[in-house]
N, C-alpha and C. Protein backbone atom coordinates (compact mmCIF):
# COMPACT_ATOMS: atom_id res chain seq x y z
N MET A 1 -20.05 148.57 144.72
CA MET A 1 -21.15 149.05 144.34
C MET A 1 -21.80 148.98 143.13
N LEU A 2 -22.54 148.40 142.69
CA LEU A 2 -23.17 147.98 141.00
C LEU A 2 -23.85 149.51 140.76
N CYS A 3 -23.96 149.64 139.55
CA CYS A 3 -25.33 150.33 139.12
C CYS A 3 -26.37 149.32 138.66
N SER A 4 -27.48 150.04 138.63
CA SER A 4 -29.03 149.72 138.51
C SER A 4 -28.53 148.37 137.40
N LYS A 5 -28.03 148.55 136.03
CA LYS A 5 -28.13 147.51 135.17
C LYS A 5 -27.49 146.53 135.81
N CYS A 6 -25.90 146.72 136.41
CA CYS A 6 -25.60 145.81 136.60
C CYS A 6 -25.78 144.72 137.61
N GLN A 7 -26.77 145.77 138.64
CA GLN A 7 -26.92 144.79 139.51
C GLN A 7 -28.47 144.07 139.17
N GLU A 8 -29.24 144.07 138.07
CA GLU A 8 -30.35 143.56 137.56
C GLU A 8 -29.58 142.57 136.78
N LYS A 9 -28.30 142.41 136.39
CA LYS A 9 -27.72 141.25 135.59
C LYS A 9 -27.32 140.13 136.56
N VAL A 10 -26.57 140.54 137.82
CA VAL A 10 -27.06 139.77 139.03
C VAL A 10 -27.98 139.04 139.24
N SER A 11 -29.23 139.94 139.72
CA SER A 11 -30.22 139.84 140.13
C SER A 11 -31.11 138.61 139.45
N SER A 12 -30.99 138.61 138.26
CA SER A 12 -31.24 137.35 137.17
C SER A 12 -30.49 136.26 136.99
N GLY A 13 -29.47 136.36 137.57
CA GLY A 13 -28.40 135.00 137.28
C GLY A 13 -27.76 135.02 135.96
N GLU A 14 -27.90 136.49 135.26
CA GLU A 14 -27.17 136.28 134.28
C GLU A 14 -25.67 136.74 134.41
N VAL A 15 -24.89 137.05 135.46
CA VAL A 15 -23.63 137.21 135.68
C VAL A 15 -23.51 136.59 137.19
N ASN A 16 -22.62 136.06 137.69
CA ASN A 16 -22.21 135.40 138.80
C ASN A 16 -21.50 136.24 139.73
N ASP A 17 -21.21 136.10 141.27
CA ASP A 17 -20.45 136.87 141.95
C ASP A 17 -19.10 136.50 141.57
N HIS A 18 -18.46 135.08 140.89
CA HIS A 18 -17.14 135.07 140.17
C HIS A 18 -17.08 136.01 139.27
N TYR A 19 -17.97 136.41 138.20
CA TYR A 19 -17.70 136.70 137.19
C TYR A 19 -17.43 138.36 137.89
N ILE A 20 -18.06 138.90 138.67
CA ILE A 20 -17.99 140.61 139.02
C ILE A 20 -16.24 140.37 139.59
N LYS A 21 -15.94 139.53 140.32
CA LYS A 21 -14.69 139.61 140.88
C LYS A 21 -13.72 139.68 139.93
N VAL A 22 -14.04 138.89 139.29
CA VAL A 22 -12.99 138.53 137.98
C VAL A 22 -12.87 139.72 137.04
N ALA A 23 -14.01 140.08 136.85
CA ALA A 23 -14.31 141.46 135.91
C ALA A 23 -13.53 142.59 136.58
N ARG A 24 -13.59 142.96 137.84
CA ARG A 24 -13.05 143.80 138.62
C ARG A 24 -11.56 143.60 139.21
N TYR A 25 -10.87 142.58 138.91
CA TYR A 25 -9.52 142.09 138.89
C TYR A 25 -8.77 142.80 137.42
N LEU A 26 -9.67 141.98 136.38
CA LEU A 26 -9.34 142.65 135.15
C LEU A 26 -8.93 144.04 134.74
N LEU A 27 -10.12 144.77 135.30
CA LEU A 27 -10.21 146.43 135.20
C LEU A 27 -9.35 146.86 136.15
N GLU A 28 -8.84 146.43 137.40
CA GLU A 28 -7.44 147.21 138.05
C GLU A 28 -6.48 146.53 137.35
N ASN A 29 -6.57 145.67 136.56
CA ASN A 29 -4.78 145.40 135.64
C ASN A 29 -4.73 145.44 134.25
N GLU A 30 -5.75 146.49 134.14
CA GLU A 30 -6.12 146.58 132.59
C GLU A 30 -4.62 147.54 132.00
N ASN A 31 -4.12 148.33 132.82
CA ASN A 31 -2.99 148.73 132.54
C ASN A 31 -1.80 148.08 132.31
N LYS A 32 -1.74 146.98 133.11
CA LYS A 32 -0.29 145.88 133.60
C LYS A 32 -0.28 145.45 131.97
N PHE A 33 -1.86 144.89 131.83
CA PHE A 33 -2.25 144.17 130.36
C PHE A 33 -3.10 144.79 129.53
N PRO A 34 -2.55 145.80 128.49
CA PRO A 34 -3.21 146.75 127.67
C PRO A 34 -4.09 145.86 126.82
N VAL A 35 -3.47 144.58 126.59
CA VAL A 35 -4.54 143.81 125.33
C VAL A 35 -5.71 143.43 125.89
N LEU A 36 -6.00 143.89 127.38
CA LEU A 36 -7.25 143.20 127.60
C LEU A 36 -8.34 144.46 127.39
N GLN A 37 -8.11 145.48 127.04
CA GLN A 37 -8.51 147.01 126.70
C GLN A 37 -10.04 146.12 125.23
N LYS A 38 -9.16 145.06 124.35
CA LYS A 38 -9.95 144.39 123.39
C LYS A 38 -10.56 143.29 123.67
N ALA A 39 -10.63 142.96 124.98
CA ALA A 39 -11.11 141.30 124.87
C ALA A 39 -12.24 141.37 125.68
N ARG A 40 -12.83 140.12 125.77
CA ARG A 40 -14.31 140.23 125.81
C ARG A 40 -14.31 139.09 126.84
N LEU A 41 -14.92 139.22 128.13
CA LEU A 41 -15.25 137.84 129.05
C LEU A 41 -16.41 137.85 129.33
N ASN A 42 -17.04 136.68 128.73
CA ASN A 42 -18.32 136.21 128.43
C ASN A 42 -18.81 135.67 129.88
N ARG A 43 -18.35 134.63 130.33
CA ARG A 43 -19.02 134.07 132.09
C ARG A 43 -17.47 133.56 132.53
N VAL A 44 -17.95 133.40 133.53
CA VAL A 44 -16.92 132.59 134.71
C VAL A 44 -17.94 131.62 135.29
N PHE A 45 -16.62 130.51 135.67
CA PHE A 45 -17.21 129.13 136.43
C PHE A 45 -16.04 129.13 137.66
N GLU A 46 -16.89 128.46 138.41
CA GLU A 46 -15.62 127.70 139.44
C GLU A 46 -16.25 126.17 139.52
N VAL A 47 -15.27 125.61 139.47
CA VAL A 47 -15.46 124.07 139.03
C VAL A 47 -14.43 123.35 139.14
N GLY A 48 -14.42 122.09 140.25
CA GLY A 48 -13.58 121.65 140.73
C GLY A 48 -11.69 122.23 140.96
N GLY A 49 -11.85 123.29 141.49
CA GLY A 49 -10.53 123.86 141.88
C GLY A 49 -10.26 124.61 140.52
N TYR A 50 -11.06 124.78 139.41
CA TYR A 50 -10.37 125.65 138.35
C TYR A 50 -11.67 126.80 138.66
N LEU A 51 -10.72 127.80 138.19
CA LEU A 51 -11.62 129.24 137.22
C LEU A 51 -11.55 129.09 136.09
N VAL A 52 -12.49 129.06 135.44
CA VAL A 52 -13.13 128.80 134.01
C VAL A 52 -13.77 130.23 133.77
N LEU A 53 -12.71 130.81 132.66
CA LEU A 53 -12.87 131.96 132.11
C LEU A 53 -13.29 131.92 130.53
N VAL A 54 -14.57 131.80 130.16
CA VAL A 54 -15.23 131.97 128.88
C VAL A 54 -15.15 133.11 128.45
N VAL A 55 -14.17 133.00 127.31
CA VAL A 55 -13.82 134.27 126.62
C VAL A 55 -14.75 134.69 125.06
N GLY A 56 -14.54 136.00 124.66
CA GLY A 56 -15.02 135.91 123.34
C GLY A 56 -14.37 135.13 122.30
N ARG A 57 -15.22 135.19 121.21
CA ARG A 57 -14.37 134.60 120.05
C ARG A 57 -13.03 135.15 119.20
N GLY A 58 -11.86 134.35 119.40
CA GLY A 58 -10.65 135.09 118.99
C GLY A 58 -9.76 135.70 120.29
N ASP A 59 -10.42 135.72 121.59
CA ASP A 59 -10.01 136.24 122.71
C ASP A 59 -8.56 135.43 123.69
N ARG A 60 -8.89 134.18 123.44
CA ARG A 60 -8.35 133.25 124.23
C ARG A 60 -7.18 133.50 124.26
N ASN A 61 -6.09 133.93 122.91
CA ASN A 61 -4.88 134.13 122.88
C ASN A 61 -4.35 135.61 123.37
N LYS A 62 -5.39 136.37 123.98
CA LYS A 62 -5.18 137.92 124.99
C LYS A 62 -5.32 137.30 126.23
N PHE A 63 -5.79 136.66 126.75
CA PHE A 63 -5.53 135.95 128.08
C PHE A 63 -4.49 135.26 128.32
N ILE A 64 -3.96 134.34 127.45
CA ILE A 64 -2.79 133.40 127.75
C ILE A 64 -1.84 134.36 126.89
N ASP A 65 -1.24 135.34 127.27
CA ASP A 65 0.19 135.77 126.69
C ASP A 65 1.19 134.68 126.61
N GLN A 66 2.24 135.31 126.10
CA GLN A 66 3.00 134.52 125.56
C GLN A 66 3.69 133.90 127.08
N GLU A 67 3.96 134.59 128.18
CA GLU A 67 4.69 134.16 128.92
C GLU A 67 3.77 134.02 130.40
N GLY A 68 2.47 133.66 129.83
CA GLY A 68 1.41 133.05 131.06
C GLY A 68 1.19 134.13 132.35
N ARG A 69 1.45 135.43 132.07
CA ARG A 69 1.63 136.23 133.47
C ARG A 69 0.26 136.41 133.61
N LEU A 70 -0.84 136.77 132.80
CA LEU A 70 -2.29 136.91 133.27
C LEU A 70 -2.94 135.93 133.54
N THR A 71 -3.02 134.55 133.55
CA THR A 71 -3.62 133.55 133.66
C THR A 71 -2.81 133.35 135.46
N ARG A 72 -1.56 133.51 135.35
CA ARG A 72 -0.68 132.80 136.74
C ARG A 72 -1.23 133.98 137.57
N ASP A 73 -1.17 135.13 137.44
CA ASP A 73 -1.72 136.34 138.46
C ASP A 73 -3.06 135.85 139.05
N LEU A 74 -4.27 135.89 138.02
CA LEU A 74 -5.55 135.38 138.24
C LEU A 74 -5.47 134.17 139.15
N GLY A 75 -4.59 133.10 138.83
CA GLY A 75 -4.77 131.89 139.44
C GLY A 75 -4.27 132.27 141.00
N ASP A 76 -3.11 132.84 141.20
CA ASP A 76 -2.60 133.27 142.42
C ASP A 76 -4.05 134.37 143.09
N GLU A 77 -4.56 135.04 142.72
CA GLU A 77 -5.32 135.99 143.17
C GLU A 77 -6.10 135.36 143.48
N PHE A 78 -7.14 134.00 142.86
CA PHE A 78 -8.45 133.36 143.37
C PHE A 78 -7.60 132.11 143.81
N LYS A 79 -6.49 131.85 144.18
CA LYS A 79 -6.29 130.44 144.48
C LYS A 79 -6.49 129.26 143.89
N LYS A 80 -6.84 129.14 142.28
CA LYS A 80 -7.40 128.48 141.67
C LYS A 80 -6.51 128.31 140.52
N ARG A 81 -6.58 127.18 139.80
CA ARG A 81 -6.48 126.67 138.66
C ARG A 81 -6.95 127.70 137.19
N VAL A 82 -6.12 128.18 136.33
CA VAL A 82 -7.18 128.98 135.31
C VAL A 82 -7.63 128.44 134.21
N LEU A 83 -8.38 128.17 133.69
CA LEU A 83 -9.02 127.75 132.22
C LEU A 83 -9.60 128.84 131.73
N VAL A 84 -8.48 128.95 130.30
CA VAL A 84 -9.27 129.91 129.55
C VAL A 84 -10.26 129.34 128.24
N ILE A 85 -11.39 129.25 127.92
CA ILE A 85 -12.01 128.54 126.97
C ILE A 85 -12.61 129.80 126.12
N GLU A 86 -12.38 129.56 124.91
CA GLU A 86 -13.15 130.22 123.70
C GLU A 86 -14.77 129.86 123.74
N ASP A 87 -15.76 131.23 123.59
CA ASP A 87 -16.57 131.13 123.26
C ASP A 87 -17.19 130.58 121.83
N SER A 88 -18.49 129.95 121.76
CA SER A 88 -18.88 129.71 120.17
C SER A 88 -18.15 129.03 119.30
N GLN A 89 -17.05 128.30 119.52
CA GLN A 89 -16.31 127.71 118.66
C GLN A 89 -16.88 126.34 118.47
N ASN A 90 -16.82 125.50 117.66
CA ASN A 90 -17.38 124.15 117.77
C ASN A 90 -16.96 123.13 118.70
N ASP A 91 -17.73 122.13 119.27
CA ASP A 91 -17.15 120.97 120.10
C ASP A 91 -15.54 120.88 120.01
N ARG A 92 -15.15 120.82 118.85
CA ARG A 92 -13.96 119.96 119.10
C ARG A 92 -12.75 121.13 119.49
N GLY A 93 -13.06 122.46 119.19
CA GLY A 93 -11.74 123.55 119.37
C GLY A 93 -12.46 123.53 121.04
N PHE A 94 -13.88 123.46 121.47
CA PHE A 94 -14.08 123.44 123.07
C PHE A 94 -13.46 122.33 123.58
N LEU A 95 -13.24 121.03 123.19
CA LEU A 95 -12.72 119.69 123.92
C LEU A 95 -10.85 120.16 124.05
N GLU A 96 -10.49 120.88 122.85
CA GLU A 96 -8.80 120.78 122.66
C GLU A 96 -8.52 122.45 123.80
N ASP A 97 -9.62 123.07 123.87
CA ASP A 97 -9.24 124.40 125.24
C ASP A 97 -8.99 123.35 126.61
N ILE A 98 -10.31 122.42 126.61
CA ILE A 98 -10.25 122.18 128.09
C ILE A 98 -9.19 121.06 128.28
N PHE A 99 -8.83 120.57 127.18
CA PHE A 99 -7.38 119.22 127.20
C PHE A 99 -5.92 120.09 126.79
N ALA A 100 -5.90 121.10 126.78
CA ALA A 100 -5.17 122.01 126.21
C ALA A 100 -3.87 121.03 126.14
N ASN A 101 -3.18 120.55 127.04
CA ASN A 101 -1.78 119.59 126.84
C ASN A 101 -1.84 118.70 126.76
N GLN A 102 -2.87 117.73 126.24
CA GLN A 102 -3.47 116.66 125.94
C GLN A 102 -3.22 116.18 124.59
N HIS A 103 -3.03 115.31 123.79
CA HIS A 103 -2.99 114.77 122.45
C HIS A 103 -4.69 114.11 122.19
N ILE A 104 -5.52 114.82 121.79
CA ILE A 104 -6.95 114.20 121.36
C ILE A 104 -6.51 113.55 120.26
N ILE A 105 -6.95 111.69 120.20
CA ILE A 105 -6.86 110.90 119.30
C ILE A 105 -8.15 111.21 118.41
N THR A 106 -9.43 111.16 118.90
CA THR A 106 -10.68 111.07 118.65
C THR A 106 -11.72 111.36 119.27
N ILE A 107 -12.90 112.11 118.63
CA ILE A 107 -14.25 112.70 119.65
C ILE A 107 -15.44 111.74 118.86
N ASN A 108 -15.95 111.38 119.65
CA ASN A 108 -16.80 110.53 119.02
C ASN A 108 -18.36 111.05 119.46
N ILE A 109 -19.71 110.73 118.94
CA ILE A 109 -21.02 111.06 119.95
C ILE A 109 -21.65 109.52 119.98
N ILE A 110 -22.03 109.59 120.99
CA ILE A 110 -22.60 108.34 121.69
C ILE A 110 -24.03 108.67 121.70
N TRP A 111 -25.19 108.07 120.92
CA TRP A 111 -26.20 108.55 120.59
C TRP A 111 -26.92 107.28 122.16
N LEU A 112 -27.40 107.47 123.02
CA LEU A 112 -27.64 106.41 123.57
C LEU A 112 -29.28 106.26 123.95
N PRO A 113 -30.02 104.79 124.11
CA PRO A 113 -31.25 104.70 123.69
C PRO A 113 -32.28 105.74 124.40
N ASP A 114 -32.13 106.17 125.23
CA ASP A 114 -33.33 107.14 125.72
C ASP A 114 -33.20 108.49 124.78
N GLY A 115 -32.52 108.84 124.11
CA GLY A 115 -32.25 110.14 122.96
C GLY A 115 -31.06 111.31 123.36
N THR A 116 -30.53 110.51 124.56
CA THR A 116 -29.69 111.63 124.77
C THR A 116 -28.36 111.44 124.25
N THR A 117 -27.15 112.20 124.36
CA THR A 117 -26.12 112.12 123.46
C THR A 117 -24.94 112.01 124.56
N GLU A 118 -23.84 111.12 124.49
CA GLU A 118 -22.87 111.27 125.50
C GLU A 118 -20.98 111.63 124.16
N THR A 119 -20.48 112.36 124.56
CA THR A 119 -19.41 112.35 123.90
C THR A 119 -18.20 112.03 124.06
N ARG A 120 -17.61 111.23 123.50
CA ARG A 120 -16.72 110.54 124.14
C ARG A 120 -15.02 110.81 123.55
N VAL A 121 -14.39 111.41 124.38
CA VAL A 121 -12.96 111.88 124.03
C VAL A 121 -11.84 110.94 124.28
N VAL A 122 -10.91 110.47 123.36
CA VAL A 122 -9.98 109.56 123.37
C VAL A 122 -8.72 110.46 123.51
N LEU A 123 -7.91 110.00 123.99
CA LEU A 123 -6.62 110.76 124.79
C LEU A 123 -5.55 109.83 124.49
N GLN A 124 -4.60 110.45 123.76
CA GLN A 124 -3.11 109.59 123.76
C GLN A 124 -2.90 109.27 124.98
N GLY A 125 -2.48 107.64 125.72
CA GLY A 125 -2.30 107.44 126.85
C GLY A 125 -0.76 107.09 127.52
N ARG A 126 -0.14 107.99 126.68
CA ARG A 126 1.42 107.86 127.40
C ARG A 126 1.33 107.64 129.34
N ARG A 127 1.88 107.20 129.87
CA ARG A 127 1.88 107.31 131.19
C ARG A 127 2.04 108.87 131.98
N ALA A 128 3.50 109.31 131.55
CA ALA A 128 3.34 110.15 132.06
C ALA A 128 2.73 111.60 131.67
N ARG A 129 1.85 111.42 130.73
CA ARG A 129 1.05 112.51 130.56
C ARG A 129 -0.21 112.49 131.17
N ARG A 130 -0.61 111.24 131.74
CA ARG A 130 -2.01 110.78 132.10
C ARG A 130 -2.83 112.04 133.07
N LEU A 131 -4.12 112.16 132.89
CA LEU A 131 -4.28 113.01 133.91
C LEU A 131 -5.05 112.16 134.85
N SER A 132 -4.91 113.26 136.03
CA SER A 132 -5.36 112.30 137.19
C SER A 132 -6.90 112.22 137.52
N LYS A 133 -7.58 111.48 138.05
CA LYS A 133 -9.03 110.76 138.06
C LYS A 133 -9.65 112.22 138.40
N LYS A 134 -9.12 113.12 139.51
CA LYS A 134 -9.77 114.46 139.88
C LYS A 134 -9.76 115.04 138.96
N ARG A 135 -8.62 115.66 138.03
CA ARG A 135 -8.83 116.33 137.04
C ARG A 135 -9.95 116.15 135.96
N ILE A 136 -9.88 115.01 135.50
CA ILE A 136 -10.80 114.37 134.52
C ILE A 136 -12.40 114.57 135.05
N ASN A 137 -12.57 114.63 136.16
CA ASN A 137 -13.80 114.68 136.83
C ASN A 137 -14.18 116.30 136.93
N ALA A 138 -13.36 117.12 136.96
CA ALA A 138 -13.06 118.57 137.01
C ALA A 138 -13.45 118.90 135.58
N MET A 139 -12.70 118.31 134.45
CA MET A 139 -12.97 118.49 133.31
C MET A 139 -14.31 117.80 132.42
N THR A 140 -14.93 117.14 132.78
CA THR A 140 -16.21 116.62 132.62
C THR A 140 -17.28 117.44 133.26
N GLU A 141 -17.07 118.25 134.44
CA GLU A 141 -18.21 119.02 134.96
C GLU A 141 -17.85 120.15 134.38
N ILE A 142 -16.78 120.62 134.16
CA ILE A 142 -16.59 121.77 132.83
C ILE A 142 -17.25 121.87 131.95
N ALA A 143 -17.34 120.75 130.74
CA ALA A 143 -18.09 120.34 129.83
C ALA A 143 -19.77 120.22 130.43
N LYS A 144 -20.19 119.93 131.37
CA LYS A 144 -21.60 120.03 131.70
C LYS A 144 -22.13 121.10 131.62
N GLN A 145 -21.16 122.09 132.62
CA GLN A 145 -21.69 123.37 133.20
C GLN A 145 -21.35 124.44 131.94
N VAL A 146 -20.50 124.64 131.02
CA VAL A 146 -20.39 125.25 130.26
C VAL A 146 -21.04 124.80 128.69
N ARG A 147 -21.17 123.94 128.39
CA ARG A 147 -21.56 123.54 126.89
C ARG A 147 -22.69 122.50 127.09
N LYS A 148 -23.42 121.97 128.31
CA LYS A 148 -24.35 120.96 128.80
C LYS A 148 -23.79 119.52 127.95
N MET A 149 -22.68 119.28 128.28
CA MET A 149 -22.24 118.14 127.43
C MET A 149 -21.67 117.13 128.17
N ASP A 150 -22.26 115.77 128.02
CA ASP A 150 -21.75 114.98 128.93
C ASP A 150 -20.27 114.36 128.29
N LEU A 151 -19.93 114.01 129.29
CA LEU A 151 -18.23 113.87 128.34
C LEU A 151 -17.91 112.62 129.08
N ARG A 152 -17.18 111.47 127.87
CA ARG A 152 -16.59 110.34 128.81
C ARG A 152 -15.16 110.25 128.20
N VAL A 153 -14.02 110.09 129.09
CA VAL A 153 -12.68 110.24 128.94
C VAL A 153 -12.25 109.27 128.91
N GLU A 154 -11.53 108.77 127.64
CA GLU A 154 -10.60 107.69 127.71
C GLU A 154 -9.66 107.63 127.36
N TYR A 155 -8.57 106.59 127.16
CA TYR A 155 -7.26 106.57 127.01
C TYR A 155 -7.09 105.50 125.59
N ALA A 156 -6.22 105.92 124.99
CA ALA A 156 -5.85 104.74 123.95
C ALA A 156 -4.27 105.02 123.93
N TYR A 157 -3.19 103.52 123.91
CA TYR A 157 -2.21 103.31 123.79
C TYR A 157 -1.82 103.17 122.66
């Protein structure tokens, strides 16, 4: 049961059902992870098999503790891979959060003739570390939903 203020946020679309479920889970596990008492959860998305948590500035490390227990427990609870992204940082920081286990060589902005822009990310192309096509599609969709960023991912050798 939600209070009237929270119900109004859900009705207006300011928060979604995923946000409510994750926030409830985090509140229930606050004793297990006391660092959550000073953390901020801004938005939650479910994209391409990922549960994307957009957290407050400086709070990413609170969600990704040294052993990764919180993100692992969240992933187990919601049967999704968890991706934690810090809110209100520059585009490079955002892209580094998305491609956390990849080495970004360069980021370019491509200006298209119709006036729109596309962000080109070039990753180091070692065969063993390449992302699957499905995961790249999920990352581009995450960038679209979180930052309204059209993303093109390429590899360089």
